[in-house]
Amino acid sequence: MPRFTRAELESYRGREVPDLIGPDLRLLFVGINPGLWTAATQTHFAHPANRFYPALLLAGIITEPISPSAGMTDEDRDRLRARGVGITNLVRRATARASELTPEELRAGGLELVETVRRTRPRVVAVAGITAYRTAFAQPKAVAGRQPEALAGAEVWVVPNPSGLNAHETTATLAEAYGAAARAAGVT
């Protein structure tokens, strides 16, 4: 696993990470925005404290462990795409914390996500973060779980953010939420 100095990580501020989307997309996970470690490795949810991939494994969404902190391998990406799983972000620019984003950025990201969903046509969109979802889609009373409104024809689920900063979630509770969205998408 690489080690980055604070200055090295700061040099990735504002960078983008390309979407990971294949042709037979069934389940699209949507992060809030890339963190600096993610930008440095060009791999979604890459920070060593992030529980995204362990939760996917526990939920049966992936069948082999992925250790993304050094950067995801091409084989890892291919296996995710083969399972019909994709990853994107509401906001493309990397920051140290999601709290650095403005409400305007989140709303603009929501509009961009609608276009991505129209183009890629997943069965289910799983947005990882209730506060970002509420802001991006002007749904201040939204609660976690399946949402009553579709997004460009896709079922929408709001699932917990896997960041290590989200201390009240565990890998097991994340796996439970991600697994529900995956079952709805026909992935597991």
Protein backbone atom coordinates (compact mmCIF):
# COMPACT_ATOMS: atom_id res chain seq x y z
CA MET A 1 0.00 0.00 0.00
CA PRO A 2 1.39 3.40 -0.91
CA ARG A 3 1.91 6.04 1.70
CA PHE A 4 1.21 9.62 0.82
CA THR A 5 2.31 12.71 2.67
CA ARG A 6 -0.35 15.32 3.37
CA ALA A 7 1.29 17.56 0.75
CA GLU A 8 1.23 14.76 -1.84
CA LEU A 9 -2.47 14.13 -1.19
CA GLU A 10 -3.23 17.86 -1.33
CA SER A 11 -1.72 17.96 -4.82
CA TYR A 12 -4.68 15.80 -5.98
CA ARG A 13 -7.30 18.30 -4.79
CA GLY A 14 -9.73 19.05 -7.62
CA ARG A 15 -8.75 16.03 -9.73
CA GLU A 16 -11.36 13.71 -11.20
CA VAL A 17 -11.68 9.93 -11.19
CA PRO A 18 -13.27 8.32 -14.25
CA ASP A 19 -16.53 6.44 -13.89
CA LEU A 20 -16.32 2.65 -13.71
CA ILE A 21 -19.26 1.60 -15.88
CA GLY A 22 -19.62 -1.39 -18.18
CA PRO A 23 -22.08 -2.21 -20.96
CA ASP A 24 -24.47 -4.40 -18.91
CA LEU A 25 -24.92 -2.10 -15.92
CA ARG A 26 -27.46 -3.26 -13.36
CA LEU A 27 -26.32 -1.52 -10.15
CA LEU A 28 -24.71 1.92 -10.13
CA PHE A 29 -23.14 3.01 -6.85
CA VAL A 30 -22.86 6.79 -6.50
CA GLY A 31 -20.30 8.24 -4.12
CA ILE A 32 -20.49 11.85 -2.99
CA ASN A 33 -17.17 12.86 -4.54
CA PRO A 34 -13.64 11.46 -4.73
CA GLY A 35 -11.41 11.82 -1.71
CA LEU A 36 -7.79 12.76 -2.16
CA TRP A 37 -6.58 9.15 -1.80
CA THR A 38 -9.12 8.09 -4.43
CA ALA A 39 -7.84 10.79 -6.77
CA ALA A 40 -4.21 9.80 -6.12
CA THR A 41 -4.87 6.13 -6.98
CA GLN A 42 -7.60 6.78 -9.59
CA THR A 43 -9.72 4.17 -7.80
CA HIS A 44 -13.16 4.82 -6.27
CA PHE A 45 -13.48 4.36 -2.49
CA ALA A 46 -9.71 3.73 -2.23
CA HIS A 47 -8.86 5.12 1.21
CA PRO A 48 -7.52 2.32 3.46
CA ALA A 49 -10.19 3.10 6.12
CA ASN A 50 -13.04 2.93 3.60
CA ARG A 51 -15.30 -0.10 4.02
CA PHE A 52 -16.91 -0.14 0.57
CA TYR A 53 -15.17 -3.21 -0.88
CA PRO A 54 -15.25 -5.27 2.34
CA ALA A 55 -19.01 -4.56 2.51
CA LEU A 56 -19.47 -5.58 -1.14
CA LEU A 57 -17.68 -8.86 -0.42
CA LEU A 58 -19.70 -9.54 2.73
CA ALA A 59 -22.94 -8.82 0.82
CA GLY A 60 -21.98 -11.23 -1.98
CA ILE A 61 -21.89 -8.43 -4.57
CA ILE A 62 -18.29 -9.35 -5.35
CA THR A 63 -16.84 -12.81 -4.88
CA GLU A 64 -13.15 -11.96 -4.48
CA PRO A 65 -11.60 -9.35 -2.16
CA ILE A 66 -10.55 -6.05 -3.67
CA SER A 67 -7.82 -4.05 -1.96
CA PRO A 68 -8.01 -0.69 -3.74
CA SER A 69 -5.75 1.48 -1.57
CA ALA A 70 -2.83 0.98 -3.97
CA GLY A 71 -5.12 1.31 -6.98
CA MET A 72 -7.57 -1.20 -8.39
CA THR A 73 -6.24 -3.73 -10.88
CA ASP A 74 -7.69 -4.09 -14.38
CA GLU A 75 -8.90 -7.54 -13.32
CA ASP A 76 -10.74 -6.00 -10.35
CA ARG A 77 -12.43 -3.50 -12.66
CA ASP A 78 -13.33 -6.22 -15.15
CA ARG A 79 -14.87 -8.39 -12.42
CA LEU A 80 -17.01 -5.51 -11.16
CA ARG A 81 -18.22 -4.68 -14.67
CA ALA A 82 -18.90 -8.38 -15.37
CA ARG A 83 -21.20 -8.46 -12.31
CA GLY A 84 -23.13 -5.47 -13.69
CA VAL A 85 -21.78 -3.12 -11.01
CA GLY A 86 -20.63 0.42 -11.75
CA ILE A 87 -19.36 3.38 -9.73
CA THR A 88 -19.64 7.13 -10.26
CA ASN A 89 -19.84 10.26 -8.09
CA LEU A 90 -22.31 13.10 -7.61
CA VAL A 91 -19.48 15.64 -7.79
CA ARG A 92 -16.38 14.90 -9.81
CA ARG A 93 -13.78 17.07 -8.05
CA ALA A 94 -11.68 15.57 -5.29
CA THR A 95 -11.66 17.10 -1.83
CA ALA A 96 -10.33 16.03 1.56
CA ARG A 97 -13.92 15.88 2.92
CA ALA A 98 -17.36 15.92 1.34
CA SER A 99 -18.26 18.82 3.63
CA GLU A 100 -16.10 21.02 1.37
CA LEU A 101 -18.70 20.77 -1.39
CA THR A 102 -21.33 23.45 -1.89
CA PRO A 103 -25.06 22.73 -2.16
CA GLU A 104 -24.87 24.13 -5.70
CA GLU A 105 -22.22 21.56 -6.64
CA LEU A 106 -24.36 18.75 -5.25
CA ARG A 107 -27.46 19.95 -7.13
CA ALA A 108 -25.49 20.25 -10.37
CA GLY A 109 -24.10 16.77 -9.73
CA GLY A 110 -27.63 15.45 -9.30
CA LEU A 111 -28.55 16.80 -12.74
CA GLU A 112 -25.44 15.22 -14.24
CA LEU A 113 -26.29 11.92 -12.56
CA VAL A 114 -29.72 11.94 -14.21
CA GLU A 115 -27.98 12.16 -17.59
CA THR A 116 -25.55 9.35 -16.68
CA VAL A 117 -28.47 7.13 -15.65
CA ARG A 118 -30.36 7.91 -18.88
CA ARG A 119 -27.28 6.98 -20.90
CA THR A 120 -26.22 3.83 -18.99
CA ARG A 121 -29.68 2.52 -17.93
CA PRO A 122 -28.93 0.69 -14.66
CA ARG A 123 -31.81 -1.08 -12.92
CA VAL A 124 -30.83 0.43 -9.55
CA VAL A 125 -28.93 3.54 -8.50
CA ALA A 126 -27.50 3.38 -4.96
CA VAL A 127 -26.48 6.79 -3.64
CA ALA A 128 -24.02 6.45 -0.75
CA GLY A 129 -24.91 9.29 1.59
CA ILE A 130 -28.29 10.53 2.80
CA THR A 131 -27.28 14.16 3.33
CA ALA A 132 -25.78 14.48 -0.16
CA TYR A 133 -28.86 12.80 -1.67
CA ARG A 134 -31.22 15.16 0.16
CA THR A 135 -29.31 18.19 -1.12
CA ALA A 136 -28.66 16.97 -4.68
CA PHE A 137 -32.28 16.02 -5.31
CA ALA A 138 -34.10 18.57 -3.10
CA GLN A 139 -35.53 15.80 -0.92
CA PRO A 140 -34.96 17.17 2.60
CA LYS A 141 -37.11 14.50 4.27
CA ALA A 142 -35.67 11.48 2.41
CA VAL A 143 -34.76 8.50 4.56
CA ALA A 144 -32.34 5.68 3.85
CA GLY A 145 -33.51 2.76 1.74
CA ARG A 146 -35.55 2.56 -1.43
CA GLN A 147 -36.88 5.91 -2.58
CA PRO A 148 -40.45 6.39 -3.83
CA GLU A 149 -39.35 8.21 -7.00
CA ALA A 150 -37.37 6.68 -9.86
CA LEU A 151 -34.38 8.44 -11.40
CA ALA A 152 -34.51 8.41 -15.20
CA GLY A 153 -36.26 5.04 -15.04
CA ALA A 154 -33.98 3.47 -12.42
CA GLU A 155 -34.99 2.44 -8.92
CA VAL A 156 -33.18 4.62 -6.36
CA TRP A 157 -31.79 3.45 -3.03
CA VAL A 158 -30.02 5.67 -0.52
CA VAL A 159 -27.38 3.63 1.27
CA PRO A 160 -24.89 4.58 3.98
CA ASN A 161 -21.62 6.21 3.05
CA PRO A 162 -18.76 3.72 3.60
CA SER A 163 -16.21 6.33 4.65
CA GLY A 164 -14.34 5.65 7.86
CA LEU A 165 -15.66 9.07 8.96
CA ASN A 166 -19.17 7.53 9.10
CA ALA A 167 -18.47 5.90 12.44
CA HIS A 168 -21.98 4.71 13.28
CA GLU A 169 -21.96 2.21 10.37
CA THR A 170 -20.11 -1.09 10.38
CA THR A 171 -19.04 -3.30 7.51
CA ALA A 172 -21.97 -5.58 8.40
CA THR A 173 -24.57 -2.79 8.32
CA LEU A 174 -23.11 -1.46 5.08
CA ALA A 175 -23.27 -4.97 3.58
CA GLU A 176 -26.91 -5.28 4.60
CA ALA A 177 -27.85 -2.00 2.89
CA TYR A 178 -25.74 -2.64 -0.21
CA GLY A 179 -27.07 -6.20 -0.45
CA ALA A 180 -30.68 -4.97 -0.48
CA ALA A 181 -29.94 -2.65 -3.40
CA ALA A 182 -28.01 -5.42 -5.18
CA ARG A 183 -30.91 -7.86 -4.82
CA ALA A 184 -33.28 -5.26 -6.28
CA ALA A 185 -30.86 -4.88 -9.21
CA GLY A 186 -30.58 -8.64 -9.77
CA VAL A 187 -26.85 -8.66 -8.95
CA THR A 188 -27.01 -11.12 -6.01
